[in-house]
Amino acid sequence: MTLRTTVVALCSILLGASPAISQDGPIGIAFAEAPEQSSGVCTGQSTDKTLACARAKCVDGGAMAQDCLRVKWCYPAGWSADLFVQHKEGPHWHQYLCGWDSKEALMAAVAVACDKTLRPYIMECSAVQFWDDKGQQIEAN
């Protein structure tokens, strides 16, 4: 057995035996949506992997992969929200806010995004989901 083979084998054993290493540093948040069908949200450090995760969750919700659009990525994730917005003529959509430094800043952003004097064409706008700066989902009240 060569030295290189021995080192590779030893590294494989150590990696297999060691506990999973936690990710250090900030996380990002990714949103994917199939309009009128499904959506998905994931957090992580890799842009591509996190967006792929969000898209997979969208597909798990019943939409086809080609319908699950990668709509937003924020890094760092910060405080984030999913808004339900409906136009006066009927169509509705989700708008995503992310990267805010605090819950208070996020709530101020929600208030601006849902201000009907600034957006007179909307009949409804409300936050339906929140995520804190650690990526933990918080139900909207």
C-alpha atoms as a PDB file:
ATOM      1  CA  MET A   1       0.000   0.000   0.000  1.00  0.00           C
ATOM      2  CA  THR A   2       1.438   3.382  -0.967  1.00  0.00           C
ATOM      3  CA  LEU A   3       1.556   6.376   1.342  1.00  0.00           C
ATOM      4  CA  ARG A   4      -1.047   8.162  -0.778  1.00  0.00           C
ATOM      5  CA  THR A   5      -3.451   5.206  -0.629  1.00  0.00           C
ATOM      6  CA  THR A   6      -2.973   4.991   3.136  1.00  0.00           C
ATOM      7  CA  VAL A   7      -3.690   8.718   3.602  1.00  0.00           C
ATOM      8  CA  VAL A   8      -6.813   8.555   1.402  1.00  0.00           C
ATOM      9  CA  ALA A   9      -8.089   5.510   3.278  1.00  0.00           C
ATOM     10  CA  LEU A  10      -7.420   7.133   6.665  1.00  0.00           C
ATOM     11  CA  CYS A  11      -9.179  10.342   5.627  1.00  0.00           C
ATOM     12  CA  SER A  12     -12.181   8.363   4.400  1.00  0.00           C
ATOM     13  CA  ILE A  13     -12.413   6.526   7.724  1.00  0.00           C
ATOM     14  CA  LEU A  14     -12.110   9.732   9.742  1.00  0.00           C
ATOM     15  CA  LEU A  15     -14.691  11.576   7.663  1.00  0.00           C
ATOM     16  CA  GLY A  16     -17.108   8.679   7.904  1.00  0.00           C
ATOM     17  CA  ALA A  17     -16.659   8.361  11.650  1.00  0.00           C
ATOM     18  CA  SER A  18     -16.799  12.049  12.549  1.00  0.00           C
ATOM     19  CA  PRO A  19     -20.065  13.795  13.364  1.00  0.00           C
ATOM     20  CA  ALA A  20     -21.494  16.227  10.830  1.00  0.00           C
ATOM     21  CA  ILE A  21     -19.768  19.575  10.977  1.00  0.00           C
ATOM     22  CA  SER A  22     -22.138  22.496  11.489  1.00  0.00           C
ATOM     23  CA  GLN A  23     -22.070  25.344   9.027  1.00  0.00           C
ATOM     24  CA  ASP A  24     -20.525  28.484  10.410  1.00  0.00           C
ATOM     25  CA  GLY A  25     -21.362  31.961   9.255  1.00  0.00           C
ATOM     26  CA  PRO A  26     -24.501  33.555   7.921  1.00  0.00           C
ATOM     27  CA  ILE A  27     -27.153  31.670   6.013  1.00  0.00           C
ATOM     28  CA  GLY A  28     -29.061  32.688   2.933  1.00  0.00           C
ATOM     29  CA  ILE A  29     -32.735  32.183   2.127  1.00  0.00           C
ATOM     30  CA  ALA A  30     -34.177  31.065  -1.211  1.00  0.00           C
ATOM     31  CA  PHE A  31     -37.736  31.254  -2.514  1.00  0.00           C
ATOM     32  CA  ALA A  32     -39.202  29.307  -5.442  1.00  0.00           C
ATOM     33  CA  GLU A  33     -42.759  29.599  -6.698  1.00  0.00           C
ATOM     34  CA  ALA A  34     -45.077  28.074  -9.253  1.00  0.00           C
ATOM     35  CA  PRO A  35     -47.748  30.790  -9.587  1.00  0.00           C
ATOM     36  CA  GLU A  36     -51.201  29.634  -8.490  1.00  0.00           C
ATOM     37  CA  GLN A  37     -49.783  26.185  -7.612  1.00  0.00           C
ATOM     38  CA  SER A  38     -47.031  25.805  -5.024  1.00  0.00           C
ATOM     39  CA  SER A  39     -43.993  27.378  -3.413  1.00  0.00           C
ATOM     40  CA  GLY A  40     -40.856  26.357  -1.535  1.00  0.00           C
ATOM     41  CA  VAL A  41     -38.455  28.034   0.876  1.00  0.00           C
ATOM     42  CA  CYS A  42     -35.044  26.838   2.081  1.00  0.00           C
ATOM     43  CA  THR A  43     -32.115  28.274   3.994  1.00  0.00           C
ATOM     44  CA  GLY A  44     -28.444  27.453   3.572  1.00  0.00           C
ATOM     45  CA  GLN A  45     -25.052  28.821   2.656  1.00  0.00           C
ATOM     46  CA  SER A  46     -24.784  27.698  -0.969  1.00  0.00           C
ATOM     47  CA  THR A  47     -26.772  29.770  -3.464  1.00  0.00           C
ATOM     48  CA  ASP A  48     -27.208  26.921  -5.953  1.00  0.00           C
ATOM     49  CA  LYS A  49     -28.007  24.227  -3.375  1.00  0.00           C
ATOM     50  CA  THR A  50     -30.436  26.434  -1.446  1.00  0.00           C
ATOM     51  CA  LEU A  51     -32.298  27.518  -4.591  1.00  0.00           C
ATOM     52  CA  ALA A  52     -32.431  23.861  -5.729  1.00  0.00           C
ATOM     53  CA  CYS A  53     -33.860  22.912  -2.323  1.00  0.00           C
ATOM     54  CA  ALA A  54     -36.561  25.605  -2.582  1.00  0.00           C
ATOM     55  CA  ARG A  55     -37.426  24.404  -6.068  1.00  0.00           C
ATOM     56  CA  ALA A  56     -37.629  20.773  -4.874  1.00  0.00           C
ATOM     57  CA  LYS A  57     -40.016  21.813  -2.080  1.00  0.00           C
ATOM     58  CA  CYS A  58     -42.137  23.625  -4.664  1.00  0.00           C
ATOM     59  CA  VAL A  59     -42.300  20.413  -6.710  1.00  0.00           C
ATOM     60  CA  ASP A  60     -43.133  18.434  -3.538  1.00  0.00           C
ATOM     61  CA  GLY A  61     -46.088  20.812  -3.129  1.00  0.00           C
ATOM     62  CA  GLY A  62     -47.573  19.573  -6.392  1.00  0.00           C
ATOM     63  CA  ALA A  63     -46.132  21.750  -9.165  1.00  0.00           C
ATOM     64  CA  MET A  64     -44.045  20.564 -12.090  1.00  0.00           C
ATOM     65  CA  ALA A  65     -40.324  21.398 -11.946  1.00  0.00           C
ATOM     66  CA  GLN A  66     -40.484  23.662 -15.000  1.00  0.00           C
ATOM     67  CA  ASP A  67     -43.223  25.706 -13.284  1.00  0.00           C
ATOM     68  CA  CYS A  68     -41.218  26.247 -10.073  1.00  0.00           C
ATOM     69  CA  LEU A  69     -39.387  29.497 -10.683  1.00  0.00           C
ATOM     70  CA  ARG A  70     -36.441  30.592  -8.549  1.00  0.00           C
ATOM     71  CA  VAL A  71     -37.801  33.987  -7.519  1.00  0.00           C
ATOM     72  CA  LYS A  72     -35.506  35.305  -4.795  1.00  0.00           C
ATOM     73  CA  TRP A  73     -32.245  34.687  -2.940  1.00  0.00           C
ATOM     74  CA  CYS A  74     -30.921  36.817  -0.080  1.00  0.00           C
ATOM     75  CA  TYR A  75     -27.554  36.432   1.581  1.00  0.00           C
ATOM     76  CA  PRO A  76     -27.444  36.925   4.417  1.00  0.00           C
ATOM     77  CA  ALA A  77     -31.061  35.938   4.921  1.00  0.00           C
ATOM     78  CA  GLY A  78     -31.745  38.377   7.730  1.00  0.00           C
ATOM     79  CA  TRP A  79     -35.377  38.714   8.748  1.00  0.00           C
ATOM     80  CA  SER A  80     -37.678  37.653   5.903  1.00  0.00           C
ATOM     81  CA  ALA A  81     -41.369  37.613   4.975  1.00  0.00           C
ATOM     82  CA  ASP A  82     -43.736  36.122   2.423  1.00  0.00           C
ATOM     83  CA  LEU A  83     -46.476  38.556   1.419  1.00  0.00           C
ATOM     84  CA  PHE A  84     -49.760  37.639  -0.228  1.00  0.00           C
ATOM     85  CA  VAL A  85     -50.740  40.432  -2.628  1.00  0.00           C
ATOM     86  CA  GLN A  86     -53.947  40.652  -4.668  1.00  0.00           C
ATOM     87  CA  HIS A  87     -54.708  43.112  -7.468  1.00  0.00           C
ATOM     88  CA  LYS A  88     -58.127  44.800  -7.545  1.00  0.00           C
ATOM     89  CA  GLU A  89     -58.847  42.955 -10.808  1.00  0.00           C
ATOM     90  CA  GLY A  90     -58.347  39.561  -9.167  1.00  0.00           C
ATOM     91  CA  PRO A  91     -54.872  38.167  -9.889  1.00  0.00           C
ATOM     92  CA  HIS A  92     -52.758  37.466  -6.832  1.00  0.00           C
ATOM     93  CA  TRP A  93     -49.121  36.665  -6.195  1.00  0.00           C
ATOM     94  CA  HIS A  94     -46.526  36.360  -3.477  1.00  0.00           C
ATOM     95  CA  GLN A  95     -43.864  38.947  -2.870  1.00  0.00           C
ATOM     96  CA  TYR A  96     -40.809  38.098  -0.788  1.00  0.00           C
ATOM     97  CA  LEU A  97     -38.909  40.465   1.483  1.00  0.00           C
ATOM     98  CA  CYS A  98     -35.581  39.338   2.898  1.00  0.00           C
ATOM     99  CA  GLY A  99     -32.273  40.509   4.263  1.00  0.00           C
ATOM    100  CA  TRP A 100     -33.667  42.869   6.911  1.00  0.00           C
ATOM    101  CA  ASP A 101     -31.522  43.541  10.010  1.00  0.00           C
ATOM    102  CA  SER A 102     -34.305  43.203  12.585  1.00  0.00           C
ATOM    103  CA  LYS A 103     -37.920  42.227  13.030  1.00  0.00           C
ATOM    104  CA  GLU A 104     -38.794  45.904  13.417  1.00  0.00           C
ATOM    105  CA  ALA A 105     -37.117  46.791  10.106  1.00  0.00           C
ATOM    106  CA  LEU A 106     -38.905  43.914   8.374  1.00  0.00           C
ATOM    107  CA  MET A 107     -42.276  45.014   9.772  1.00  0.00           C
ATOM    108  CA  ALA A 108     -41.618  48.559   8.493  1.00  0.00           C
ATOM    109  CA  ALA A 109     -40.832  47.100   5.047  1.00  0.00           C
ATOM    110  CA  VAL A 110     -44.064  45.067   5.142  1.00  0.00           C
ATOM    111  CA  ALA A 111     -46.007  48.230   6.014  1.00  0.00           C
ATOM    112  CA  VAL A 112     -44.495  50.078   3.025  1.00  0.00           C
ATOM    113  CA  ALA A 113     -45.010  47.125   0.654  1.00  0.00           C
ATOM    114  CA  CYS A 114     -48.673  46.865   1.707  1.00  0.00           C
ATOM    115  CA  ASP A 115     -49.409  50.612   1.805  1.00  0.00           C
ATOM    116  CA  LYS A 116     -52.433  51.008  -0.495  1.00  0.00           C
ATOM    117  CA  THR A 117     -51.753  54.730  -0.903  1.00  0.00           C
ATOM    118  CA  LEU A 118     -48.452  53.771  -2.546  1.00  0.00           C
ATOM    119  CA  ARG A 119     -49.995  50.837  -4.423  1.00  0.00           C
ATOM    120  CA  PRO A 120     -53.602  51.874  -5.139  1.00  0.00           C
ATOM    121  CA  TYR A 121     -54.116  48.906  -7.490  1.00  0.00           C
ATOM    122  CA  ILE A 122     -54.011  46.292  -4.705  1.00  0.00           C
ATOM    123  CA  MET A 123     -57.064  45.188  -2.765  1.00  0.00           C
ATOM    124  CA  GLU A 124     -55.270  42.918  -0.320  1.00  0.00           C
ATOM    125  CA  CYS A 125     -51.747  42.636   1.017  1.00  0.00           C
ATOM    126  CA  SER A 126     -50.638  40.794   4.115  1.00  0.00           C
ATOM    127  CA  ALA A 127     -47.667  38.911   5.513  1.00  0.00           C
ATOM    128  CA  VAL A 128     -48.458  35.198   5.636  1.00  0.00           C
ATOM    129  CA  GLN A 129     -45.104  33.868   6.839  1.00  0.00           C
ATOM    130  CA  PHE A 130     -41.956  35.140   8.552  1.00  0.00           C
ATOM    131  CA  TRP A 131     -38.419  33.816   9.084  1.00  0.00           C
ATOM    132  CA  ASP A 132     -36.032  35.129  11.714  1.00  0.00           C
ATOM    133  CA  ASP A 133     -32.340  35.840  11.103  1.00  0.00           C
ATOM    134  CA  LYS A 134     -31.494  32.213  11.981  1.00  0.00           C
ATOM    135  CA  GLY A 135     -33.849  30.859   9.296  1.00  0.00           C
ATOM    136  CA  GLN A 136     -36.531  29.729  11.760  1.00  0.00           C
ATOM    137  CA  GLN A 137     -40.044  29.942  10.377  1.00  0.00           C
ATOM    138  CA  ILE A 138     -42.478  32.061  12.404  1.00  0.00           C
ATOM    139  CA  GLU A 139     -46.203  31.991  11.751  1.00  0.00           C
ATOM    140  CA  ALA A 140     -47.864  35.317  10.923  1.00  0.00           C
ATOM    141  CA  ASN A 141     -50.487  36.345  13.476  1.00  0.00           C
END
